[in-house]
Each structure stands twice: as structure tokens, then as C-alpha cells.
Amino acid sequence: MNSSDFDRRFDEGESVIDALDLSAARRPRLEQRRVNVDFPLWMVEQLDLEASRLGVTRQSIIKVWLAERLERRRDPAGIAVADPTSP
């Protein structure tokens, strides 16, 4: 399929998924890397309570809270900014 046909099908609301090679698809900057973090017991217990209250896993709540914190540290262009209070 050429690009004109692809564009036409897409613009008309037709599925174009069959024209894509998804075997090499990537999600830039969303690749996963496993990390291990040790938390004090009281923190794990609090995380578990909050996760249970929200009906999510401990891992999910940690990811969401970290993402929220990191997003607050970005400037409007999406660049992480240094914390002026840290050494």
C-alpha cells in the first residue's frame, strides 16, 4: 500500500493496522527497566494500606506517586529541572 492509500484509509476511518509492521514498534522513553528498592517496613505497610484502599497493587501506587512527583519537577517544555534546595 502506498502512502496516499494509507492516508485515505486513515482519513476515512478505516483500519490501517494491517498495513503496519508492529514487530519493530517501540515506545520511546517508555522501555522498562527493573530496579530494586528497599523500603522500611512502616512505609511498605502504608503503601499496602493505600493500595488496598484504591484497589491497586503496591507497584502501581509506587509508579503513580513517583511519576506525579517527577512531573511536578518538569518545566513547561517537559525538561526536568534541578531542585534549587538540593545541594
Protein backbone atom coordinates (compact mmCIF):
# COMPACT_ATOMS: atom_id res chain seq x y z
CA MET A 1 0.00 0.00 0.00
CA ASN A 2 1.38 3.41 -0.88
CA SER A 3 1.24 6.43 1.43
CA SER A 4 -1.71 8.02 -0.40
CA ASP A 5 -3.81 4.90 0.06
CA PHE A 6 -2.73 4.67 3.68
CA ASP A 7 -3.68 8.32 4.33
CA ARG A 8 -7.01 7.95 2.54
CA ARG A 9 -7.95 4.84 4.51
CA PHE A 10 -6.93 6.50 7.78
CA ASP A 11 -8.79 9.73 6.98
CA GLU A 12 -11.93 7.75 6.13
CA GLY A 13 -11.78 5.98 9.46
CA GLU A 14 -10.80 2.61 8.03
CA SER A 15 -8.38 0.38 9.89
CA VAL A 16 -4.78 0.70 8.73
CA ILE A 17 -3.36 -1.74 11.27
CA ASP A 18 -2.85 -4.44 8.64
CA ALA A 19 -0.52 -2.07 6.75
CA LEU A 20 1.79 -1.60 9.73
CA ASP A 21 4.74 -3.76 10.77
CA LEU A 22 4.28 -3.77 14.54
CA SER A 23 7.06 -6.31 15.15
CA ALA A 24 9.59 -3.48 15.42
CA ALA A 25 7.31 -0.99 17.18
CA ARG A 26 8.76 0.75 20.22
CA ARG A 27 7.51 3.18 22.81
CA PRO A 28 10.34 5.72 23.07
CA ARG A 29 11.36 6.56 26.62
CA LEU A 30 8.79 4.07 27.95
CA GLU A 31 11.00 1.00 27.89
CA GLN A 32 11.04 -0.75 31.24
CA ARG A 33 14.00 -1.39 33.50
CA ARG A 34 13.76 -3.41 36.68
CA VAL A 35 15.07 -1.75 39.84
CA ASN A 36 15.15 -2.94 43.42
CA VAL A 37 14.42 -0.52 46.22
CA ASP A 38 14.49 -1.28 49.93
CA PHE A 39 11.77 0.42 51.97
CA PRO A 40 11.34 0.49 55.74
CA LEU A 41 8.57 -1.79 56.98
CA TRP A 42 6.36 1.10 58.07
CA MET A 43 6.49 2.50 54.52
CA VAL A 44 5.57 -0.83 52.94
CA GLU A 45 2.66 -1.17 55.34
CA GLN A 46 1.42 2.33 54.48
CA LEU A 47 1.82 1.66 50.77
CA ASP A 48 -0.15 -1.58 51.13
CA LEU A 49 -2.94 0.17 53.02
CA GLU A 50 -3.25 2.89 50.41
CA ALA A 51 -3.02 0.42 47.53
CA SER A 52 -5.73 -1.73 49.11
CA ARG A 53 -7.94 1.31 49.66
CA LEU A 54 -7.59 2.24 45.99
CA GLY A 55 -7.86 -1.34 44.73
CA VAL A 56 -4.47 -1.33 43.01
CA THR A 57 -1.16 -3.09 43.54
CA ARG A 58 1.70 -1.76 45.62
CA GLN A 59 3.80 -1.46 42.46
CA SER A 60 1.10 0.59 40.74
CA ILE A 61 0.82 3.09 43.54
CA ILE A 62 4.59 3.50 43.75
CA LYS A 63 4.80 4.12 39.99
CA VAL A 64 1.94 6.64 40.01
CA TRP A 65 3.28 8.56 43.01
CA LEU A 66 6.80 8.69 41.60
CA ALA A 67 5.51 9.80 38.21
CA GLU A 68 3.42 12.55 39.82
CA ARG A 69 6.41 13.79 41.79
CA LEU A 70 8.69 13.77 38.77
CA GLU A 71 6.10 15.56 36.62
CA ARG A 72 5.92 18.38 39.17
CA ARG A 73 9.66 18.87 38.72
CA ARG A 74 9.42 19.47 34.95
CA ASP A 75 9.37 22.86 33.31
CA PRO A 76 6.64 23.68 30.74
CA ALA A 77 8.82 22.29 27.92
CA GLY A 78 8.98 18.92 29.66
CA ILE A 79 12.60 19.21 30.77
CA ALA A 80 13.46 18.04 34.27
CA VAL A 81 14.67 20.94 36.36
CA ALA A 82 17.14 20.91 39.22
CA ASP A 83 15.78 21.43 42.69
CA PRO A 84 17.30 24.70 43.94
CA THR A 85 17.05 23.44 47.53
CA SER A 86 19.20 20.37 46.95
CA PRO A 87 22.98 20.51 47.15
